[in-house]
Amino acid sequence: MRCGRSASRRSPSRSWRPTTSQAPIEQTRIERRRQADVSHAAALRRARAERAARAAGTAAAVPQAAPLGRTA
């Protein structure tokens, strides 16, 4: 019995394999990250436009962004 335990500590179990159920979770994580990046880029564009407008002494004409996709 002792021999089996030490062998399992040395190397991971060969029976463990990623399941296909992890794929949708990973896809969801990637999609949320993409949406966060889109939102962040839009915020940067708005901030830059507002800063440029303040520097020029005019009102910022920032177009309204398209609504993002629904979240879970």
N, C-alpha and C. Protein backbone atom coordinates (compact mmCIF):
# COMPACT_ATOMS: atom_id res chain seq x y z
N MET A 1 0.82 -1.20 0.00
CA MET A 1 0.00 0.00 0.00
C MET A 1 0.86 1.26 0.00
N ARG A 2 1.91 1.22 0.75
CA ARG A 2 2.78 2.37 0.83
C ARG A 2 3.42 2.68 -0.53
N CYS A 3 3.74 1.66 -1.27
CA CYS A 3 4.34 1.84 -2.59
C CYS A 3 3.39 2.60 -3.52
N GLY A 4 2.12 2.31 -3.48
CA GLY A 4 1.14 2.97 -4.33
C GLY A 4 1.00 4.45 -4.02
N ARG A 5 1.05 4.81 -2.74
CA ARG A 5 0.92 6.21 -2.36
C ARG A 5 2.11 7.03 -2.85
N SER A 6 3.31 6.49 -2.68
CA SER A 6 4.48 7.26 -3.11
C SER A 6 4.50 7.42 -4.63
N ALA A 7 4.03 6.44 -5.34
CA ALA A 7 3.98 6.55 -6.80
C ALA A 7 2.97 7.63 -7.20
N SER A 8 1.86 7.72 -6.49
CA SER A 8 0.87 8.72 -6.85
C SER A 8 1.35 10.13 -6.52
N ARG A 9 2.22 10.26 -5.55
CA ARG A 9 2.78 11.57 -5.23
C ARG A 9 3.80 12.02 -6.26
N ARG A 10 4.49 11.07 -6.86
CA ARG A 10 5.53 11.41 -7.83
C ARG A 10 4.97 11.84 -9.17
N SER A 11 3.91 11.23 -9.61
CA SER A 11 3.37 11.57 -10.93
C SER A 11 1.87 11.74 -10.83
N PRO A 12 1.32 12.65 -11.62
CA PRO A 12 -0.13 12.84 -11.59
C PRO A 12 -0.84 11.62 -12.15
N SER A 13 -2.05 11.48 -11.75
CA SER A 13 -2.85 10.34 -12.20
C SER A 13 -3.06 10.44 -13.70
N ARG A 14 -2.92 9.34 -14.38
CA ARG A 14 -3.11 9.32 -15.83
C ARG A 14 -4.59 9.30 -16.19
N SER A 15 -5.45 9.00 -15.22
CA SER A 15 -6.87 8.94 -15.51
C SER A 15 -7.49 10.34 -15.58
N TRP A 16 -6.77 11.35 -15.07
CA TRP A 16 -7.32 12.71 -15.10
C TRP A 16 -7.13 13.30 -16.48
N ARG A 17 -8.19 13.76 -17.07
CA ARG A 17 -8.15 14.43 -18.36
C ARG A 17 -9.17 15.57 -18.31
N PRO A 18 -8.86 16.67 -18.97
CA PRO A 18 -9.84 17.75 -19.00
C PRO A 18 -11.13 17.25 -19.66
N THR A 19 -12.23 17.64 -19.10
CA THR A 19 -13.51 17.21 -19.66
C THR A 19 -14.01 18.22 -20.68
N THR A 20 -14.92 17.79 -21.50
CA THR A 20 -15.47 18.71 -22.49
C THR A 20 -16.35 19.76 -21.84
N SER A 21 -16.78 19.54 -20.60
CA SER A 21 -17.61 20.53 -19.93
C SER A 21 -16.82 21.79 -19.59
N GLN A 22 -15.50 21.71 -19.61
CA GLN A 22 -14.70 22.90 -19.34
C GLN A 22 -14.66 23.83 -20.54
N ALA A 23 -14.89 23.31 -21.71
CA ALA A 23 -14.82 24.13 -22.91
C ALA A 23 -15.83 25.28 -22.88
N PRO A 24 -17.11 25.05 -22.56
CA PRO A 24 -18.04 26.19 -22.51
C PRO A 24 -17.65 27.22 -21.45
N ILE A 25 -17.09 26.78 -20.35
CA ILE A 25 -16.65 27.71 -19.31
C ILE A 25 -15.53 28.58 -19.85
N GLU A 26 -14.60 27.96 -20.55
CA GLU A 26 -13.50 28.71 -21.13
C GLU A 26 -14.01 29.67 -22.20
N GLN A 27 -14.95 29.25 -23.01
CA GLN A 27 -15.52 30.12 -24.03
C GLN A 27 -16.21 31.32 -23.38
N THR A 28 -16.92 31.08 -22.30
CA THR A 28 -17.60 32.16 -21.59
C THR A 28 -16.58 33.14 -21.02
N ARG A 29 -15.51 32.61 -20.45
CA ARG A 29 -14.47 33.47 -19.89
C ARG A 29 -13.83 34.32 -20.98
N ILE A 30 -13.57 33.74 -22.13
CA ILE A 30 -12.97 34.48 -23.24
C ILE A 30 -13.94 35.56 -23.73
N GLU A 31 -15.22 35.22 -23.84
CA GLU A 31 -16.22 36.18 -24.31
C GLU A 31 -16.36 37.35 -23.33
N ARG A 32 -16.37 37.06 -22.03
CA ARG A 32 -16.46 38.15 -21.04
C ARG A 32 -15.22 39.02 -21.08
N ARG A 33 -14.07 38.42 -21.29
CA ARG A 33 -12.84 39.20 -21.38
C ARG A 33 -12.88 40.10 -22.61
N ARG A 34 -13.39 39.56 -23.73
CA ARG A 34 -13.51 40.35 -24.95
C ARG A 34 -14.44 41.54 -24.74
N GLN A 35 -15.57 41.29 -24.07
CA GLN A 35 -16.51 42.37 -23.80
C GLN A 35 -15.90 43.42 -22.88
N ALA A 36 -15.12 42.98 -21.90
CA ALA A 36 -14.45 43.93 -21.01
C ALA A 36 -13.45 44.78 -21.78
N ASP A 37 -12.73 44.15 -22.72
CA ASP A 37 -11.77 44.90 -23.53
C ASP A 37 -12.48 45.92 -24.42
N VAL A 38 -13.63 45.54 -24.99
CA VAL A 38 -14.39 46.46 -25.83
C VAL A 38 -14.88 47.64 -24.99
N SER A 39 -15.38 47.36 -23.81
CA SER A 39 -15.87 48.41 -22.92
C SER A 39 -14.74 49.35 -22.50
N HIS A 40 -13.58 48.77 -22.20
CA HIS A 40 -12.43 49.56 -21.79
C HIS A 40 -11.96 50.46 -22.93
N ALA A 41 -11.92 49.93 -24.14
CA ALA A 41 -11.50 50.72 -25.29
C ALA A 41 -12.48 51.87 -25.54
N ALA A 42 -13.78 51.62 -25.38
CA ALA A 42 -14.77 52.67 -25.57
C ALA A 42 -14.61 53.77 -24.51
N ALA A 43 -14.33 53.36 -23.28
CA ALA A 43 -14.13 54.34 -22.21
C ALA A 43 -12.90 55.20 -22.50
N LEU A 44 -11.84 54.59 -23.00
CA LEU A 44 -10.64 55.35 -23.35
C LEU A 44 -10.93 56.35 -24.47
N ARG A 45 -11.68 55.92 -25.48
CA ARG A 45 -12.03 56.83 -26.57
C ARG A 45 -12.84 58.01 -26.05
N ARG A 46 -13.83 57.74 -25.19
CA ARG A 46 -14.64 58.84 -24.63
C ARG A 46 -13.79 59.78 -23.82
N ALA A 47 -12.92 59.24 -22.99
CA ALA A 47 -12.08 60.09 -22.14
C ALA A 47 -11.15 60.95 -22.98
N ARG A 48 -10.58 60.36 -24.02
CA ARG A 48 -9.69 61.14 -24.88
C ARG A 48 -10.44 62.23 -25.63
N ALA A 49 -11.64 61.92 -26.10
CA ALA A 49 -12.45 62.92 -26.81
C ALA A 49 -12.83 64.05 -25.86
N GLU A 50 -13.21 63.71 -24.64
CA GLU A 50 -13.58 64.74 -23.66
C GLU A 50 -12.37 65.60 -23.30
N ARG A 51 -11.22 64.99 -23.14
CA ARG A 51 -10.01 65.74 -22.81
C ARG A 51 -9.63 66.68 -23.96
N ALA A 52 -9.74 66.18 -25.18
CA ALA A 52 -9.42 67.03 -26.34
C ALA A 52 -10.41 68.18 -26.44
N ALA A 53 -11.68 67.93 -26.14
CA ALA A 53 -12.69 68.98 -26.20
C ALA A 53 -12.43 70.03 -25.12
N ARG A 54 -12.06 69.60 -23.93
CA ARG A 54 -11.73 70.56 -22.87
C ARG A 54 -10.54 71.41 -23.26
N ALA A 55 -9.54 70.79 -23.86
CA ALA A 55 -8.34 71.52 -24.26
C ALA A 55 -8.67 72.54 -25.36
N ALA A 56 -9.61 72.19 -26.22
CA ALA A 56 -10.00 73.09 -27.31
C ALA A 56 -11.04 74.10 -26.86
N GLY A 57 -11.63 73.90 -25.69
CA GLY A 57 -12.63 74.81 -25.18
C GLY A 57 -13.99 74.63 -25.81
N THR A 58 -14.26 73.44 -26.32
CA THR A 58 -15.56 73.15 -26.94
C THR A 58 -16.23 72.01 -26.20
N ALA A 59 -17.49 71.82 -26.53
CA ALA A 59 -18.22 70.70 -25.95
C ALA A 59 -17.84 69.42 -26.69
N ALA A 60 -17.73 68.36 -25.96
CA ALA A 60 -17.37 67.07 -26.57
C ALA A 60 -18.56 66.51 -27.32
N ALA A 61 -18.33 66.14 -28.55
CA ALA A 61 -19.36 65.49 -29.35
C ALA A 61 -19.03 64.01 -29.42
N VAL A 62 -19.33 63.34 -28.33
CA VAL A 62 -19.00 61.93 -28.24
C VAL A 62 -20.22 61.12 -28.63
N PRO A 63 -20.11 60.28 -29.67
CA PRO A 63 -21.26 59.48 -30.07
C PRO A 63 -21.57 58.42 -29.01
N GLN A 64 -22.83 58.09 -28.91
CA GLN A 64 -23.25 57.05 -27.96
C GLN A 64 -22.79 55.69 -28.49
N ALA A 65 -22.22 54.92 -27.61
CA ALA A 65 -21.72 53.60 -27.99
C ALA A 65 -22.90 52.64 -28.18
N ALA A 66 -22.69 51.67 -29.02
CA ALA A 66 -23.71 50.64 -29.22
C ALA A 66 -23.81 49.83 -27.93
N PRO A 67 -25.00 49.40 -27.56
CA PRO A 67 -25.14 48.63 -26.33
C PRO A 67 -24.37 47.32 -26.42
N LEU A 68 -23.73 46.97 -25.33
CA LEU A 68 -23.00 45.72 -25.27
C LEU A 68 -23.97 44.56 -25.14
N GLY A 69 -23.46 43.36 -25.37
CA GLY A 69 -24.29 42.16 -25.25
C GLY A 69 -24.75 41.95 -23.82
N ARG A 70 -25.79 41.19 -23.66
CA ARG A 70 -26.31 40.91 -22.33
C ARG A 70 -25.35 40.01 -21.57
N THR A 71 -25.31 40.19 -20.27
CA THR A 71 -24.46 39.35 -19.44
C THR A 71 -25.30 38.28 -18.78
N ALA A 72 -24.62 37.34 -18.20
CA ALA A 72 -25.30 36.21 -17.58
C ALA A 72 -26.08 36.63 -16.37
